Amino acid sequence: MSSNPAPGFAKNPSKIITIEPHEGTVSVSAGGVEIARSSHAKVLTETPYPPVLYIPFADIDFAKLSKAEHSTHCPYKGDASYWSVKPAGGEGENAMWAYEAPYDETIAIKDHGAFYPNKVQIKVR
């Protein structure tokens, strides 16, 4: 029995979100400064959106980020917290998000952050 089920799936049980290991290395930089590098990223796929890479917190340099006041809610994943990427200046505002307490169905992205590709440089190898 789930302890924190997603209300979105209860209303739309045909919705499919997959979370799989990313094969390869992901690096994130801004203003010529590396923010994250990981060979343990996960790929979240949710139609109709493009796939999103989630990087483990352990592979993100939080000294280059600042926690933002901004937050959003997803009925499938939960409440998202945001961080601004300091080396990106104004462009880096709310550039990273994470679900710190995701719903059971997406628990695999807990303690992982994702970055907006239009606010930072994301390289996949």
N, C-alpha and C. Protein backbone atom coordinates (compact mmCIF):
# COMPACT_ATOMS: atom_id res chain seq x y z
N MET A 1 0.85 -1.19 0.00
CA MET A 1 0.00 0.00 0.00
C MET A 1 0.89 1.24 0.00
N SER A 2 0.57 2.19 -0.87
CA SER A 2 1.36 3.43 -0.98
C SER A 2 1.08 4.34 0.20
N SER A 3 2.11 5.03 0.64
CA SER A 3 1.95 5.96 1.75
C SER A 3 1.80 7.40 1.25
N ASN A 4 2.24 7.66 0.01
CA ASN A 4 2.15 9.00 -0.55
C ASN A 4 1.84 8.89 -2.05
N PRO A 5 0.64 8.37 -2.40
CA PRO A 5 0.31 8.18 -3.81
C PRO A 5 0.03 9.50 -4.52
N ALA A 6 0.33 9.54 -5.81
CA ALA A 6 0.11 10.74 -6.61
C ALA A 6 -1.36 10.88 -6.98
N PRO A 7 -1.96 12.02 -6.68
CA PRO A 7 -3.37 12.22 -7.04
C PRO A 7 -3.58 12.25 -8.55
N GLY A 8 -2.54 12.65 -9.30
CA GLY A 8 -2.66 12.70 -10.75
C GLY A 8 -2.93 11.33 -11.34
N PHE A 9 -2.25 10.31 -10.83
CA PHE A 9 -2.45 8.95 -11.35
C PHE A 9 -3.82 8.41 -10.95
N ALA A 10 -4.33 8.83 -9.80
CA ALA A 10 -5.66 8.40 -9.37
C ALA A 10 -6.72 8.93 -10.34
N LYS A 11 -6.53 10.16 -10.83
CA LYS A 11 -7.48 10.78 -11.76
C LYS A 11 -7.24 10.34 -13.20
N ASN A 12 -5.98 10.00 -13.53
CA ASN A 12 -5.61 9.66 -14.90
C ASN A 12 -4.70 8.43 -14.88
N PRO A 13 -5.27 7.26 -14.61
CA PRO A 13 -4.45 6.05 -14.46
C PRO A 13 -3.72 5.62 -15.73
N SER A 14 -4.10 6.15 -16.89
CA SER A 14 -3.41 5.78 -18.13
C SER A 14 -2.14 6.60 -18.37
N LYS A 15 -1.90 7.61 -17.56
CA LYS A 15 -0.70 8.44 -17.68
C LYS A 15 0.53 7.57 -17.42
N ILE A 16 1.55 7.74 -18.26
CA ILE A 16 2.77 6.95 -18.10
C ILE A 16 3.96 7.87 -17.92
N ILE A 17 4.69 7.65 -16.84
CA ILE A 17 5.96 8.34 -16.59
C ILE A 17 6.98 7.25 -16.32
N THR A 18 8.07 7.27 -17.07
CA THR A 18 9.12 6.28 -16.85
C THR A 18 10.38 6.98 -16.34
N ILE A 19 11.12 6.28 -15.49
CA ILE A 19 12.39 6.78 -14.95
C ILE A 19 13.39 5.65 -15.12
N GLU A 20 14.42 5.91 -15.92
CA GLU A 20 15.42 4.89 -16.22
C GLU A 20 16.81 5.46 -16.05
N PRO A 21 17.82 4.60 -15.82
CA PRO A 21 19.20 5.08 -15.73
C PRO A 21 19.65 5.65 -17.07
N HIS A 22 20.39 6.74 -17.03
CA HIS A 22 20.99 7.32 -18.24
C HIS A 22 22.33 6.63 -18.48
N GLU A 23 22.54 6.16 -19.68
CA GLU A 23 23.80 5.52 -20.03
C GLU A 23 24.75 6.60 -20.52
N GLY A 24 25.77 6.90 -19.75
CA GLY A 24 26.72 7.94 -20.14
C GLY A 24 26.89 8.97 -19.04
N THR A 25 27.55 10.05 -19.40
CA THR A 25 27.85 11.12 -18.45
C THR A 25 27.10 12.38 -18.85
N VAL A 26 26.61 13.08 -17.84
CA VAL A 26 25.93 14.36 -18.05
C VAL A 26 26.72 15.42 -17.30
N SER A 27 26.98 16.55 -17.97
CA SER A 27 27.61 17.68 -17.27
C SER A 27 26.76 18.92 -17.50
N VAL A 28 26.73 19.77 -16.48
CA VAL A 28 25.97 21.01 -16.53
C VAL A 28 26.91 22.14 -16.18
N SER A 29 26.90 23.20 -17.01
CA SER A 29 27.75 24.35 -16.73
C SER A 29 27.00 25.63 -17.05
N ALA A 30 27.53 26.73 -16.53
CA ALA A 30 26.98 28.06 -16.78
C ALA A 30 28.11 29.06 -16.61
N GLY A 31 28.20 29.99 -17.51
CA GLY A 31 29.25 31.00 -17.43
C GLY A 31 30.64 30.39 -17.40
N GLY A 32 30.81 29.25 -18.05
CA GLY A 32 32.10 28.58 -18.09
C GLY A 32 32.45 27.83 -16.82
N VAL A 33 31.51 27.71 -15.88
CA VAL A 33 31.75 27.05 -14.60
C VAL A 33 30.91 25.78 -14.54
N GLU A 34 31.54 24.66 -14.20
CA GLU A 34 30.80 23.41 -14.09
C GLU A 34 29.97 23.40 -12.80
N ILE A 35 28.70 23.04 -12.93
CA ILE A 35 27.77 23.00 -11.81
C ILE A 35 27.55 21.56 -11.36
N ALA A 36 27.53 20.65 -12.33
CA ALA A 36 27.26 19.24 -12.03
C ALA A 36 27.91 18.35 -13.07
N ARG A 37 28.27 17.15 -12.64
CA ARG A 37 28.77 16.11 -13.54
C ARG A 37 28.40 14.77 -12.93
N SER A 38 27.79 13.90 -13.73
CA SER A 38 27.36 12.63 -13.18
C SER A 38 27.33 11.53 -14.23
N SER A 39 27.69 10.34 -13.81
CA SER A 39 27.50 9.15 -14.63
C SER A 39 26.37 8.31 -14.03
N HIS A 40 25.59 8.93 -13.11
CA HIS A 40 24.49 8.23 -12.44
C HIS A 40 23.16 8.96 -12.62
N ALA A 41 23.04 9.73 -13.70
CA ALA A 41 21.80 10.47 -13.95
C ALA A 41 20.67 9.51 -14.31
N LYS A 42 19.45 10.01 -14.17
CA LYS A 42 18.25 9.25 -14.56
C LYS A 42 17.49 10.05 -15.60
N VAL A 43 16.83 9.34 -16.50
CA VAL A 43 16.02 9.98 -17.54
C VAL A 43 14.56 9.78 -17.20
N LEU A 44 13.84 10.88 -17.04
CA LEU A 44 12.41 10.82 -16.80
C LEU A 44 11.71 11.15 -18.11
N THR A 45 10.84 10.25 -18.55
CA THR A 45 10.09 10.46 -19.79
C THR A 45 8.61 10.55 -19.44
N GLU A 46 8.01 11.65 -19.91
CA GLU A 46 6.59 11.93 -19.63
C GLU A 46 5.99 12.58 -20.87
N THR A 47 5.13 11.86 -21.56
CA THR A 47 4.48 12.41 -22.74
C THR A 47 3.57 13.56 -22.30
N PRO A 48 3.54 14.68 -22.99
CA PRO A 48 4.13 15.02 -24.27
C PRO A 48 5.44 15.80 -24.17
N TYR A 49 6.09 15.79 -23.02
CA TYR A 49 7.28 16.61 -22.78
C TYR A 49 8.55 15.90 -23.25
N PRO A 50 9.60 16.69 -23.55
CA PRO A 50 10.87 16.05 -23.88
C PRO A 50 11.44 15.36 -22.64
N PRO A 51 12.26 14.32 -22.83
CA PRO A 51 12.88 13.64 -21.68
C PRO A 51 13.70 14.62 -20.84
N VAL A 52 13.73 14.38 -19.53
CA VAL A 52 14.46 15.25 -18.60
C VAL A 52 15.49 14.41 -17.86
N LEU A 53 16.72 14.93 -17.79
CA LEU A 53 17.80 14.28 -17.05
C LEU A 53 17.79 14.77 -15.61
N TYR A 54 17.76 13.84 -14.66
CA TYR A 54 17.82 14.15 -13.24
C TYR A 54 19.17 13.68 -12.71
N ILE A 55 19.92 14.59 -12.09
CA ILE A 55 21.27 14.33 -11.60
C ILE A 55 21.23 14.18 -10.08
N PRO A 56 21.91 13.15 -9.54
CA PRO A 56 21.92 12.98 -8.08
C PRO A 56 22.48 14.21 -7.38
N PHE A 57 21.87 14.57 -6.24
CA PHE A 57 22.36 15.71 -5.46
C PHE A 57 23.86 15.58 -5.16
N ALA A 58 24.33 14.37 -4.94
CA ALA A 58 25.74 14.16 -4.61
C ALA A 58 26.68 14.61 -5.72
N ASP A 59 26.16 14.71 -6.96
CA ASP A 59 26.98 15.10 -8.11
C ASP A 59 26.74 16.55 -8.54
N ILE A 60 26.03 17.32 -7.71
CA ILE A 60 25.74 18.73 -7.99
C ILE A 60 26.48 19.59 -6.98
N ASP A 61 27.15 20.64 -7.47
CA ASP A 61 27.89 21.56 -6.59
C ASP A 61 26.93 22.63 -6.08
N PHE A 62 26.33 22.36 -4.93
CA PHE A 62 25.33 23.29 -4.38
C PHE A 62 25.94 24.62 -3.94
N ALA A 63 27.27 24.71 -3.82
CA ALA A 63 27.92 25.98 -3.50
C ALA A 63 27.73 26.99 -4.63
N LYS A 64 27.43 26.50 -5.84
CA LYS A 64 27.24 27.37 -7.00
C LYS A 64 25.75 27.65 -7.25
N LEU A 65 24.92 27.22 -6.31
CA LEU A 65 23.48 27.42 -6.43
C LEU A 65 22.96 28.19 -5.22
N SER A 66 21.81 28.81 -5.38
CA SER A 66 21.13 29.42 -4.23
C SER A 66 19.67 29.01 -4.28
N LYS A 67 19.16 28.58 -3.13
CA LYS A 67 17.76 28.12 -3.05
C LYS A 67 16.85 29.31 -3.37
N ALA A 68 15.86 29.07 -4.19
CA ALA A 68 14.93 30.12 -4.60
C ALA A 68 13.62 30.01 -3.82
N GLU A 69 12.86 31.07 -3.81
CA GLU A 69 11.55 31.07 -3.16
C GLU A 69 10.51 30.35 -4.02
N HIS A 70 10.77 30.28 -5.32
CA HIS A 70 9.83 29.73 -6.29
C HIS A 70 9.56 28.25 -6.03
N SER A 71 8.31 27.84 -6.24
CA SER A 71 7.96 26.42 -6.17
C SER A 71 6.79 26.18 -7.11
N THR A 72 6.65 24.93 -7.55
CA THR A 72 5.53 24.56 -8.40
C THR A 72 5.00 23.21 -7.92
N HIS A 73 3.84 22.83 -8.43
CA HIS A 73 3.25 21.55 -8.05
C HIS A 73 2.90 20.74 -9.29
N CYS A 74 3.21 19.48 -9.27
CA CYS A 74 2.83 18.53 -10.32
C CYS A 74 1.98 17.45 -9.67
N PRO A 75 0.79 17.16 -10.21
CA PRO A 75 -0.06 16.14 -9.61
C PRO A 75 0.51 14.72 -9.73
N TYR A 76 1.57 14.55 -10.54
CA TYR A 76 2.19 13.24 -10.73
C TYR A 76 3.49 13.07 -9.96
N LYS A 77 4.21 14.19 -9.77
CA LYS A 77 5.53 14.10 -9.12
C LYS A 77 5.55 14.74 -7.74
N GLY A 78 4.77 15.77 -7.51
CA GLY A 78 4.74 16.43 -6.21
C GLY A 78 5.11 17.89 -6.29
N ASP A 79 5.62 18.43 -5.18
CA ASP A 79 6.02 19.84 -5.11
C ASP A 79 7.49 19.98 -5.48
N ALA A 80 7.76 20.89 -6.42
CA ALA A 80 9.14 21.12 -6.87
C ALA A 80 9.72 22.34 -6.18
N SER A 81 10.94 22.18 -5.67
CA SER A 81 11.73 23.30 -5.14
C SER A 81 12.67 23.74 -6.25
N TYR A 82 13.10 25.00 -6.18
CA TYR A 82 13.96 25.55 -7.23
C TYR A 82 15.23 26.16 -6.64
N TRP A 83 16.28 26.17 -7.46
CA TRP A 83 17.55 26.80 -7.13
C TRP A 83 17.97 27.66 -8.31
N SER A 84 18.62 28.76 -8.01
CA SER A 84 19.20 29.59 -9.07
C SER A 84 20.68 29.25 -9.19
N VAL A 85 21.16 29.28 -10.43
CA VAL A 85 22.55 28.97 -10.73
C VAL A 85 23.33 30.28 -10.74
N LYS A 86 24.16 30.49 -9.71
CA LYS A 86 24.86 31.76 -9.54
C LYS A 86 25.74 32.15 -10.74
N PRO A 87 26.57 31.24 -11.30
CA PRO A 87 27.43 31.64 -12.41
C PRO A 87 26.67 32.06 -13.68
N ALA A 88 25.39 31.74 -13.77
CA ALA A 88 24.60 32.12 -14.94
C ALA A 88 24.00 33.51 -14.83
N GLY A 89 24.17 34.16 -13.68
CA GLY A 89 23.60 35.50 -13.49
C GLY A 89 22.08 35.45 -13.57
N GLY A 90 21.47 36.48 -14.16
CA GLY A 90 20.01 36.56 -14.27
C GLY A 90 19.40 35.41 -15.04
N GLU A 91 20.15 34.89 -16.02
CA GLU A 91 19.66 33.76 -16.81
C GLU A 91 19.48 32.51 -15.95
N GLY A 92 20.21 32.43 -14.85
CA GLY A 92 20.19 31.24 -14.03
C GLY A 92 19.10 31.19 -12.97
N GLU A 93 18.23 32.21 -12.96
CA GLU A 93 17.17 32.24 -11.95
C GLU A 93 16.26 31.03 -12.11
N ASN A 94 16.03 30.30 -11.03
CA ASN A 94 15.16 29.11 -11.02
C ASN A 94 15.57 28.09 -12.09
N ALA A 95 16.87 27.95 -12.32
CA ALA A 95 17.36 27.09 -13.40
C ALA A 95 17.36 25.60 -13.05
N MET A 96 17.37 25.27 -11.75
CA MET A 96 17.34 23.87 -11.34
C MET A 96 16.12 23.63 -10.47
N TRP A 97 15.52 22.46 -10.66
CA TRP A 97 14.41 22.08 -9.78
C TRP A 97 14.59 20.66 -9.30
N ALA A 98 13.92 20.36 -8.21
CA ALA A 98 13.97 19.01 -7.64
C ALA A 98 12.70 18.75 -6.86
N TYR A 99 12.31 17.49 -6.84
CA TYR A 99 11.19 17.05 -6.02
C TYR A 99 11.79 16.41 -4.77
N GLU A 100 11.83 17.18 -3.69
CA GLU A 100 12.49 16.70 -2.47
C GLU A 100 11.69 15.64 -1.73
N ALA A 101 10.38 15.64 -1.93
CA ALA A 101 9.51 14.62 -1.33
C ALA A 101 8.49 14.18 -2.39
N PRO A 102 8.96 13.51 -3.45
CA PRO A 102 8.06 13.14 -4.55
C PRO A 102 7.03 12.09 -4.13
N TYR A 103 5.99 12.00 -4.92
CA TYR A 103 5.00 10.95 -4.70
C TYR A 103 5.65 9.59 -4.92
N ASP A 104 5.01 8.56 -4.37
CA ASP A 104 5.56 7.20 -4.42
C ASP A 104 5.93 6.75 -5.84
N GLU A 105 5.09 7.08 -6.81
CA GLU A 105 5.29 6.60 -8.18
C GLU A 105 6.56 7.16 -8.82
N THR A 106 7.07 8.28 -8.30
CA THR A 106 8.27 8.90 -8.87
C THR A 106 9.37 9.05 -7.82
N ILE A 107 9.36 8.19 -6.82
CA ILE A 107 10.34 8.25 -5.72
C ILE A 107 11.78 8.13 -6.24
N ALA A 108 11.97 7.55 -7.42
CA ALA A 108 13.31 7.36 -7.98
C ALA A 108 14.03 8.69 -8.26
N ILE A 109 13.29 9.81 -8.34
CA ILE A 109 13.96 11.10 -8.59
C ILE A 109 14.18 11.90 -7.30
N LYS A 110 13.87 11.29 -6.15
CA LYS A 110 14.16 11.96 -4.88
C LYS A 110 15.67 12.18 -4.78
N ASP A 111 16.08 13.34 -4.26
CA ASP A 111 17.49 13.71 -4.13
C ASP A 111 18.20 13.77 -5.48
N HIS A 112 17.46 14.20 -6.51
CA HIS A 112 18.00 14.43 -7.84
C HIS A 112 17.51 15.80 -8.31
N GLY A 113 18.35 16.52 -9.05
CA GLY A 113 17.97 17.81 -9.59
C GLY A 113 17.99 17.79 -11.11
N ALA A 114 17.12 18.61 -11.70
CA ALA A 114 17.06 18.75 -13.16
C ALA A 114 17.26 20.23 -13.51
N PHE A 115 17.81 20.47 -14.68
CA PHE A 115 18.14 21.83 -15.11
C PHE A 115 17.41 22.19 -16.40
N TYR A 116 17.00 23.45 -16.51
CA TYR A 116 16.39 23.93 -17.74
C TYR A 116 17.48 24.13 -18.79
N PRO A 117 17.38 23.45 -19.95
CA PRO A 117 18.42 23.55 -20.96
C PRO A 117 18.55 24.93 -21.61
N ASN A 118 17.54 25.78 -21.46
CA ASN A 118 17.64 27.13 -22.00
C ASN A 118 18.29 28.11 -21.02
N LYS A 119 18.64 27.63 -19.80
CA LYS A 119 19.25 28.50 -18.79
C LYS A 119 20.70 28.12 -18.47
N VAL A 120 21.08 26.88 -18.79
CA VAL A 120 22.44 26.38 -18.56
C VAL A 120 22.85 25.55 -19.77
N GLN A 121 24.12 25.15 -19.81
CA GLN A 121 24.60 24.27 -20.88
C GLN A 121 24.62 22.84 -20.32
N ILE A 122 23.93 21.95 -21.01
CA ILE A 122 23.89 20.54 -20.62
C ILE A 122 24.57 19.73 -21.71
N LYS A 123 25.61 19.01 -21.34
CA LYS A 123 26.33 18.15 -22.30
C LYS A 123 26.11 16.70 -21.90
N VAL A 124 25.77 15.89 -22.90
CA VAL A 124 25.54 14.47 -22.67
C VAL A 124 26.58 13.68 -23.46
N ARG A 125 27.27 12.76 -22.78
CA ARG A 125 28.28 11.94 -23.44
C ARG A 125 27.92 10.49 -23.29
